[in-house]
C-alpha atoms as a PDB file:
ATOM      1  CA  MET A   1      85.243 109.821 164.596  1.00  0.00           C
ATOM      2  CA  PHE A   2      86.135 112.134 167.466  1.00  0.00           C
ATOM      3  CA  ASP A   3      89.327 114.052 168.047  1.00  0.00           C
ATOM      4  CA  PRO A   4      91.154 112.546 171.072  1.00  0.00           C
ATOM      5  CA  THR A   5      92.790 115.906 171.708  1.00  0.00           C
ATOM      6  CA  GLU A   6      89.345 117.454 172.256  1.00  0.00           C
ATOM      7  CA  VAL A   7      87.723 114.714 174.377  1.00  0.00           C
ATOM      8  CA  VAL A   8      90.250 113.708 177.026  1.00  0.00           C
ATOM      9  CA  PRO A   9      89.395 110.917 179.507  1.00  0.00           C
ATOM     10  CA  GLU A  10      90.983 110.884 182.970  1.00  0.00           C
ATOM     11  CA  TYR A  11      92.105 114.484 182.655  1.00  0.00           C
ATOM     12  CA  THR A  12      94.657 115.407 185.326  1.00  0.00           C
ATOM     13  CA  ALA A  13      93.516 118.299 187.531  1.00  0.00           C
ATOM     14  CA  ASP A  14      95.946 118.641 190.468  1.00  0.00           C
ATOM     15  CA  VAL A  15      94.290 120.188 193.516  1.00  0.00           C
ATOM     16  CA  GLY A  16      96.632 121.920 195.948  1.00  0.00           C
ATOM     17  CA  THR A  17      98.996 119.387 197.465  1.00  0.00           C
ATOM     18  CA  LYS A  18      97.032 116.531 195.894  1.00  0.00           C
ATOM     19  CA  LYS A  19      98.741 115.410 192.736  1.00  0.00           C
ATOM     20  CA  GLY A  20      97.339 113.135 190.084  1.00  0.00           C
ATOM     21  CA  GLU A  21      93.708 114.101 190.718  1.00  0.00           C
ATOM     22  CA  LYS A  22      91.712 113.168 187.644  1.00  0.00           C
ATOM     23  CA  VAL A  23      88.359 114.261 186.290  1.00  0.00           C
ATOM     24  CA  ASP A  24      86.507 111.656 184.219  1.00  0.00           C
ATOM     25  CA  TYR A  25      86.418 113.694 181.012  1.00  0.00           C
ATOM     26  CA  ALA A  26      87.530 117.118 179.842  1.00  0.00           C
ATOM     27  CA  ILE A  27      86.392 118.828 176.664  1.00  0.00           C
ATOM     28  CA  MET A  28      89.322 120.784 175.293  1.00  0.00           C
ATOM     29  CA  ARG A  29      89.657 123.735 172.954  1.00  0.00           C
ATOM     30  CA  ASP A  30      93.026 125.068 171.836  1.00  0.00           C
ATOM     31  CA  GLY A  31      94.674 122.783 174.386  1.00  0.00           C
ATOM     32  CA  ARG A  32      92.685 124.185 177.336  1.00  0.00           C
ATOM     33  CA  PRO A  33      89.772 122.593 179.219  1.00  0.00           C
ATOM     34  CA  ILE A  34      86.447 124.317 178.650  1.00  0.00           C
ATOM     35  CA  ILE A  35      84.070 121.656 180.057  1.00  0.00           C
ATOM     36  CA  LEU A  36      84.701 119.171 182.880  1.00  0.00           C
ATOM     37  CA  ILE A  37      82.538 116.045 183.140  1.00  0.00           C
ATOM     38  CA  GLU A  38      82.140 113.757 186.133  1.00  0.00           C
ATOM     39  CA  VAL A  39      80.378 110.442 185.489  1.00  0.00           C
ATOM     40  CA  LYS A  40      78.528 108.408 188.098  1.00  0.00           C
ATOM     41  CA  CYS A  41      76.952 104.973 187.883  1.00  0.00           C
ATOM     42  CA  TRP A  42      73.610 104.853 186.053  1.00  0.00           C
ATOM     43  CA  ASN A  43      71.654 103.981 189.231  1.00  0.00           C
ATOM     44  CA  VAL A  44      73.089 106.835 191.338  1.00  0.00           C
ATOM     45  CA  ASP A  45      70.554 109.504 192.296  1.00  0.00           C
ATOM     46  CA  LEU A  46      72.325 112.729 191.360  1.00  0.00           C
ATOM     47  CA  ALA A  47      70.007 114.721 193.606  1.00  0.00           C
ATOM     48  CA  GLN A  48      71.666 112.981 196.560  1.00  0.00           C
ATOM     49  CA  VAL A  49      75.215 113.455 195.262  1.00  0.00           C
ATOM     50  CA  HIS A  50      77.292 116.424 196.324  1.00  0.00           C
ATOM     51  CA  ALA A  51      79.575 117.267 193.429  1.00  0.00           C
ATOM     52  CA  SER A  52      82.567 117.872 195.711  1.00  0.00           C
ATOM     53  CA  GLN A  53      85.091 116.366 193.304  1.00  0.00           C
ATOM     54  CA  LEU A  54      83.807 118.384 190.379  1.00  0.00           C
ATOM     55  CA  TYR A  55      83.743 121.457 192.615  1.00  0.00           C
ATOM     56  CA  ARG A  56      87.447 121.032 193.419  1.00  0.00           C
ATOM     57  CA  TYR A  57      88.460 120.365 189.823  1.00  0.00           C
ATOM     58  CA  PHE A  58      86.524 123.387 188.605  1.00  0.00           C
ATOM     59  CA  SER A  59      88.445 125.816 190.818  1.00  0.00           C
ATOM     60  CA  VAL A  60      91.904 124.705 189.626  1.00  0.00           C
ATOM     61  CA  THR A  61      91.274 124.653 185.866  1.00  0.00           C
ATOM     62  CA  GLU A  62      90.290 127.225 183.261  1.00  0.00           C
ATOM     63  CA  ALA A  63      86.988 125.478 182.542  1.00  0.00           C
ATOM     64  CA  ARG A  64      83.857 127.592 182.888  1.00  0.00           C
ATOM     65  CA  PHE A  65      81.377 124.722 182.590  1.00  0.00           C
ATOM     66  CA  ALA A  66      80.991 121.394 184.373  1.00  0.00           C
ATOM     67  CA  ILE A  67      78.616 118.470 183.902  1.00  0.00           C
ATOM     68  CA  LEU A  68      77.602 115.844 186.449  1.00  0.00           C
ATOM     69  CA  THR A  69      75.887 112.812 184.911  1.00  0.00           C
ATOM     70  CA  ASN A  70      74.842 109.229 185.524  1.00  0.00           C
ATOM     71  CA  GLY A  71      74.329 108.598 181.815  1.00  0.00           C
ATOM     72  CA  THR A  72      70.625 109.431 181.770  1.00  0.00           C
ATOM     73  CA  ARG A  73      70.489 112.621 183.812  1.00  0.00           C
ATOM     74  CA  TYR A  74      72.788 115.563 183.149  1.00  0.00           C
ATOM     75  CA  MET A  75      73.340 118.542 185.462  1.00  0.00           C
ATOM     76  CA  PHE A  76      75.100 121.590 184.000  1.00  0.00           C
ATOM     77  CA  PHE A  77      77.072 123.973 186.229  1.00  0.00           C
ATOM     78  CA  THR A  78      79.017 127.204 185.786  1.00  0.00           C
ATOM     79  CA  ASP A  79      80.311 130.061 187.958  1.00  0.00           C
ATOM     80  CA  LEU A  80      77.604 132.715 187.760  1.00  0.00           C
ATOM     81  CA  GLU A  81      77.706 133.672 191.444  1.00  0.00           C
ATOM     82  CA  GLN A  82      81.459 133.841 191.993  1.00  0.00           C
ATOM     83  CA  SER A  83      84.182 133.692 189.375  1.00  0.00           C
ATOM     84  CA  ASN A  84      86.150 130.428 189.198  1.00  0.00           C
ATOM     85  CA  LYS A  85      83.938 128.889 191.892  1.00  0.00           C
ATOM     86  CA  MET A  86      81.351 126.398 190.686  1.00  0.00           C
ATOM     87  CA  ASP A  87      77.786 127.250 191.678  1.00  0.00           C
ATOM     88  CA  GLU A  88      76.164 124.832 194.106  1.00  0.00           C
ATOM     89  CA  LYS A  89      73.029 124.569 191.970  1.00  0.00           C
ATOM     90  CA  PRO A  90      72.987 123.665 188.270  1.00  0.00           C
ATOM     91  CA  PHE A  91      71.730 126.198 185.762  1.00  0.00           C
ATOM     92  CA  PHE A  92      70.239 123.454 183.582  1.00  0.00           C
ATOM     93  CA  GLU A  93      69.158 119.831 184.005  1.00  0.00           C
ATOM     94  CA  LEU A  94      68.370 117.232 181.392  1.00  0.00           C
ATOM     95  CA  ASP A  95      66.868 113.769 181.806  1.00  0.00           C
ATOM     96  CA  MET A  96      67.143 111.564 178.713  1.00  0.00           C
ATOM     97  CA  LEU A  97      64.133 109.528 179.907  1.00  0.00           C
ATOM     98  CA  THR A  98      61.831 112.560 179.913  1.00  0.00           C
ATOM     99  CA  LEU A  99      63.452 114.625 177.171  1.00  0.00           C
ATOM    100  CA  ARG A 100      61.273 117.368 175.671  1.00  0.00           C
ATOM    101  CA  ALA A 101      61.823 119.367 172.486  1.00  0.00           C
ATOM    102  CA  PRO A 102      62.305 122.780 174.215  1.00  0.00           C
ATOM    103  CA  GLN A 103      65.268 121.328 176.123  1.00  0.00           C
ATOM    104  CA  LEU A 104      67.235 120.725 172.942  1.00  0.00           C
ATOM    105  CA  ALA A 105      68.014 124.387 172.254  1.00  0.00           C
ATOM    106  CA  PRO A 106      70.399 124.847 175.228  1.00  0.00           C
ATOM    107  CA  ILE A 107      72.127 121.557 174.378  1.00  0.00           C
ATOM    108  CA  ARG A 108      72.812 122.612 170.795  1.00  0.00           C
ATOM    109  CA  GLN A 109      74.803 125.575 172.092  1.00  0.00           C
ATOM    110  CA  PHE A 110      77.340 123.105 173.536  1.00  0.00           C
ATOM    111  CA  SER A 111      78.094 121.532 170.157  1.00  0.00           C
ATOM    112  CA  ARG A 112      81.528 122.230 168.661  1.00  0.00           C
ATOM    113  CA  ASP A 113      80.329 124.423 165.791  1.00  0.00           C
ATOM    114  CA  LYS A 114      78.051 126.576 167.975  1.00  0.00           C
ATOM    115  CA  PHE A 115      80.146 126.805 171.140  1.00  0.00           C
ATOM    116  CA  ASP A 116      80.670 130.422 172.199  1.00  0.00           C
ATOM    117  CA  MET A 117      81.721 131.095 175.787  1.00  0.00           C
ATOM    118  CA  GLU A 118      80.057 134.479 176.275  1.00  0.00           C
ATOM    119  CA  THR A 119      76.802 133.405 174.630  1.00  0.00           C
ATOM    120  CA  LEU A 120      76.689 130.283 176.779  1.00  0.00           C
ATOM    121  CA  LEU A 121      77.335 132.211 179.983  1.00  0.00           C
ATOM    122  CA  THR A 122      74.514 134.619 179.145  1.00  0.00           C
ATOM    123  CA  SER A 123      72.169 131.734 178.364  1.00  0.00           C
ATOM    124  CA  ALA A 124      73.225 129.960 181.579  1.00  0.00           C
ATOM    125  CA  GLY A 125      72.258 132.991 183.649  1.00  0.00           C
ATOM    126  CA  GLU A 126      68.880 133.298 181.954  1.00  0.00           C
ATOM    127  CA  LEU A 127      68.156 129.585 182.368  1.00  0.00           C
ATOM    128  CA  LYS A 128      69.182 129.473 186.030  1.00  0.00           C
ATOM    129  CA  TYR A 129      67.304 132.562 187.182  1.00  0.00           C
ATOM    130  CA  THR A 130      64.231 131.829 185.066  1.00  0.00           C
ATOM    131  CA  LYS A 131      64.062 128.374 186.615  1.00  0.00           C
ATOM    132  CA  GLY A 132      64.417 129.893 190.089  1.00  0.00           C
ATOM    133  CA  ILE A 133      61.644 132.419 189.468  1.00  0.00           C
ATOM    134  CA  LEU A 134      59.327 129.732 188.085  1.00  0.00           C
ATOM    135  CA  ARG A 135      59.972 127.612 191.166  1.00  0.00           C
ATOM    136  CA  ALA A 136      59.194 130.600 193.412  1.00  0.00           C
ATOM    137  CA  ILE A 137      55.960 131.278 191.500  1.00  0.00           C
ATOM    138  CA  GLU A 138      54.959 127.627 191.843  1.00  0.00           C
ATOM    139  CA  GLN A 139      55.545 127.767 195.599  1.00  0.00           C
ATOM    140  CA  GLU A 140      53.484 130.944 195.885  1.00  0.00           C
ATOM    141  CA  PHE A 141      50.647 129.306 193.977  1.00  0.00           C
ATOM    142  CA  GLU A 142      50.709 126.271 196.261  1.00  0.00           C
ATOM    143  CA  GLN A 143      51.157 128.183 199.529  1.00  0.00           C
ATOM    144  CA  PRO A 144      51.062 131.987 199.246  1.00  0.00           C
ATOM    145  CA  SER A 145      53.554 133.765 201.506  1.00  0.00           C
ATOM    146  CA  ASP A 146      52.406 136.328 204.087  1.00  0.00           C
ATOM    147  CA  GLU A 147      53.913 139.104 201.949  1.00  0.00           C
ATOM    148  CA  LEU A 148      51.888 138.064 198.896  1.00  0.00           C
ATOM    149  CA  VAL A 149      48.685 137.653 200.901  1.00  0.00           C
ATOM    150  CA  ARG A 150      49.158 141.108 202.422  1.00  0.00           C
ATOM    151  CA  TYR A 151      49.817 142.662 199.030  1.00  0.00           C
ATOM    152  CA  PHE A 152      46.668 141.311 197.354  1.00  0.00           C
ATOM    153  CA  THR A 153      44.488 141.770 200.419  1.00  0.00           C
ATOM    154  CA  LYS A 154      45.327 145.475 200.535  1.00  0.00           C
ATOM    155  CA  GLN A 155      44.138 145.806 196.932  1.00  0.00           C
ATOM    156  CA  VAL A 156      40.581 144.783 197.827  1.00  0.00           C
ATOM    157  CA  TYR A 157      40.188 145.103 201.620  1.00  0.00           C
ATOM    158  CA  SER A 158      40.529 148.245 203.733  1.00  0.00           C
ATOM    159  CA  GLY A 159      39.933 146.750 207.183  1.00  0.00           C
ATOM    160  CA  ASN A 160      42.462 145.585 209.764  1.00  0.00           C
ATOM    161  CA  LEU A 161      44.628 142.673 208.638  1.00  0.00           C
ATOM    162  CA  THR A 162      44.110 140.396 211.593  1.00  0.00           C
ATOM    163  CA  LYS A 163      45.350 136.814 211.555  1.00  0.00           C
ATOM    164  CA  ALA A 164      41.830 135.571 210.866  1.00  0.00           C
ATOM    165  CA  VAL A 165      41.518 137.960 207.923  1.00  0.00           C
ATOM    166  CA  ARG A 166      44.908 136.917 206.517  1.00  0.00           C
ATOM    167  CA  ASP A 167      44.012 133.226 206.813  1.00  0.00           C
ATOM    168  CA  GLN A 168      40.727 133.836 205.030  1.00  0.00           C
ATOM    169  CA  PHE A 169      42.355 135.772 202.202  1.00  0.00           C
ATOM    170  CA  CYS A 170      45.075 133.156 201.871  1.00  0.00           C
ATOM    171  CA  GLU A 171      42.445 130.600 200.847  1.00  0.00           C
ATOM    172  CA  ILE A 172      40.705 133.146 198.614  1.00  0.00           C
ATOM    173  CA  LEU A 173      44.021 133.861 196.915  1.00  0.00           C
ATOM    174  CA  LYS A 174      44.648 130.151 196.269  1.00  0.00           C
ATOM    175  CA  ARG A 175      41.257 129.828 194.605  1.00  0.00           C
ATOM    176  CA  ALA A 176      41.818 133.030 192.620  1.00  0.00           C
ATOM    177  CA  PHE A 177      45.130 131.700 191.305  1.00  0.00           C
ATOM    178  CA  LYS A 178      43.495 128.453 190.179  1.00  0.00           C
ATOM    179  CA  GLN A 179      40.630 130.311 188.530  1.00  0.00           C
ATOM    180  CA  PHE A 180      43.066 132.641 186.755  1.00  0.00           C
ATOM    181  CA  ILE A 181      44.997 129.686 185.334  1.00  0.00           C
ATOM    182  CA  ASN A 182      41.817 127.830 184.303  1.00  0.00           C
ATOM    183  CA  ASP A 183      40.408 130.940 182.620  1.00  0.00           C
ATOM    184  CA  ALA A 184      43.674 131.514 180.753  1.00  0.00           C
ATOM    185  CA  ILE A 185      43.761 127.878 179.574  1.00  0.00           C
ATOM    186  CA  ASN A 186      40.113 127.989 178.483  1.00  0.00           C
ATOM    187  CA  GLU A 187      40.690 131.199 176.566  1.00  0.00           C
ATOM    188  CA  ARG A 188      43.681 129.702 174.747  1.00  0.00           C
ATOM    189  CA  LEU A 189      41.674 126.581 173.893  1.00  0.00           C
ATOM    190  CA  ASN A 190      38.695 128.586 172.672  1.00  0.00           C
ATOM    191  CA  SER A 191      40.983 130.799 170.618  1.00  0.00           C
ATOM    192  CA  ALA A 192      42.595 127.731 169.039  1.00  0.00           C
ATOM    193  CA  LEU A 193      39.169 126.230 168.282  1.00  0.00           C
ATOM    194  CA  ARG A 194      37.958 129.446 166.682  1.00  0.00           C
ATOM    195  CA  SER A 195      41.084 129.585 164.575  1.00  0.00           C
ATOM    196  CA  GLN A 196      40.636 125.951 163.516  1.00  0.00           C
ATOM    197  CA  GLU A 197      36.977 126.509 162.646  1.00  0.00           C
ATOM    198  CA  SER A 198      37.950 129.484 160.520  1.00  0.00           C
ATOM    199  CA  THR A 199      40.593 127.410 158.728  1.00  0.00           C
ATOM    200  CA  ASP A 200      38.228 124.489 158.143  1.00  0.00           C
ATOM    201  CA  LYS A 201      35.391 126.706 156.911  1.00  0.00           C
ATOM    202  CA  PRO A 202      34.175 125.527 153.434  1.00  0.00           C
ATOM    203  CA  GLU A 203      35.149 127.766 150.532  1.00  0.00           C
ATOM    204  CA  SER A 204      31.491 128.303 149.576  1.00  0.00           C
ATOM    205  CA  GLU A 205      30.744 129.690 153.035  1.00  0.00           C
ATOM    206  CA  THR A 206      33.839 131.893 152.895  1.00  0.00           C
ATOM    207  CA  THR A 207      32.816 133.206 149.472  1.00  0.00           C
ATOM    208  CA  ALA A 208      29.291 133.933 150.669  1.00  0.00           C
ATOM    209  CA  SER A 209      30.644 135.717 153.693  1.00  0.00           C
ATOM    210  CA  GLU A 210      33.011 137.812 151.586  1.00  0.00           C
ATOM    211  CA  GLY A 211      30.218 138.682 149.220  1.00  0.00           C
ATOM    212  CA  ALA A 212      27.909 139.743 152.046  1.00  0.00           C
ATOM    213  CA  GLU A 213      30.639 141.958 153.499  1.00  0.00           C
ATOM    214  CA  ALA A 214      31.025 143.602 150.068  1.00  0.00           C
ATOM    215  CA  GLY A 215      27.278 144.339 149.951  1.00  0.00           C
ATOM    216  CA  LEU A 216      26.422 141.657 147.377  1.00  0.00           C
ATOM    217  CA  GLU A 217      23.288 139.563 147.739  1.00  0.00           C
ATOM    218  CA  THR A 218      23.969 135.855 147.417  1.00  0.00           C
ATOM    219  CA  SER A 219      21.067 135.405 144.968  1.00  0.00           C
ATOM    220  CA  SER A 220      21.835 138.427 142.808  1.00  0.00           C
ATOM    221  CA  PRO A 221      22.713 138.018 139.100  1.00  0.00           C
ATOM    222  CA  LEU A 222      25.896 139.979 139.746  1.00  0.00           C
ATOM    223  CA  LYS A 223      27.087 137.430 142.300  1.00  0.00           C
ATOM    224  CA  THR A 224      26.035 134.537 140.051  1.00  0.00           C
ATOM    225  CA  SER A 225      28.027 136.003 137.188  1.00  0.00           C
ATOM    226  CA  TRP A 226      31.033 136.692 139.423  1.00  0.00           C
ATOM    227  CA  THR A 227      31.123 133.191 140.911  1.00  0.00           C
ATOM    228  CA  GLY A 228      30.606 131.617 137.497  1.00  0.00           C
ATOM    229  CA  ALA A 229      33.561 133.507 136.070  1.00  0.00           C
ATOM    230  CA  ARG A 230      35.613 132.578 139.072  1.00  0.00           C
ATOM    231  CA  SER A 231      34.807 128.868 138.757  1.00  0.00           C
ATOM    232  CA  SER A 232      35.830 128.779 135.102  1.00  0.00           C
ATOM    233  CA  GLY A 233      39.365 130.000 135.851  1.00  0.00           C
ATOM    234  CA  PRO A 234      42.402 127.850 136.691  1.00  0.00           C
ATOM    235  CA  SER A 235      42.526 126.194 140.080  1.00  0.00           C
ATOM    236  CA  TRP A 236      45.755 127.042 142.656  1.00  0.00           C
ATOM    237  CA  PRO A 237      77.380 108.200 178.508  1.00  0.00           C
ATOM    238  CA  LYS A 238      80.683 108.288 176.518  1.00  0.00           C
ATOM    239  CA  SER A 239      79.297 107.908 173.152  1.00  0.00           C
ATOM    240  CA  TRP A 240      77.102 110.914 173.852  1.00  0.00           C
ATOM    241  CA  ILE A 241      80.031 113.010 174.988  1.00  0.00           C
ATOM    242  CA  GLN A 242      82.190 111.980 172.042  1.00  0.00           C
ATOM    243  CA  SER A 243      79.435 112.345 169.423  1.00  0.00           C
ATOM    244  CA  ALA A 244      78.654 115.906 170.561  1.00  0.00           C
ATOM    245  CA  TRP A 245      82.227 116.844 169.812  1.00  0.00           C
END
């Protein structure tokens, strides 16, 4: 069961001279709204929707978080750039159809027992700016900017940076990025394989290896006695909103 005083549908959020303006849902704490939620039809593309209503509601309430959803996709907003003014871009997005485990951690912070305003605001900033930096890196990998081409070219080339030279190094840089990523992936895979091989190594081989490192010959009477003694020992949409609150 959910507390109807915490999940309020059709919450009234008067905007200026407009009275009776209502937001679809408001999550309340101590009688004050902390999260505003605007719900669209399931087949609405949220990327094409300007959250103007939510934007207006946000500025006239005490809420610091807002969610725009069509039931499968959720876009989380706050006011990182200007106080009491909802950011144009969400700090976090979630698609229930492509949900991945790492995305669950930010969602858990919105549950009733873990909700902490300051912690959430800090996390929101980290999520938003990390996402922006990753997007910028991706764009640079796909099409390096003139600034990036100039920077790397100067590290390896001392001649004049003519347009022809910049164009040539732009392609070289693209290939270098791809090679760097491939080498990093291969190294991680090889490292994982080596670790797995070490884990799967038979005990007899491990024992022989340990004995060799200790200076013991595998055929020596000392090793035979030691292994014999060792072997004789003991072996060792609404429902989602309501259920979250």
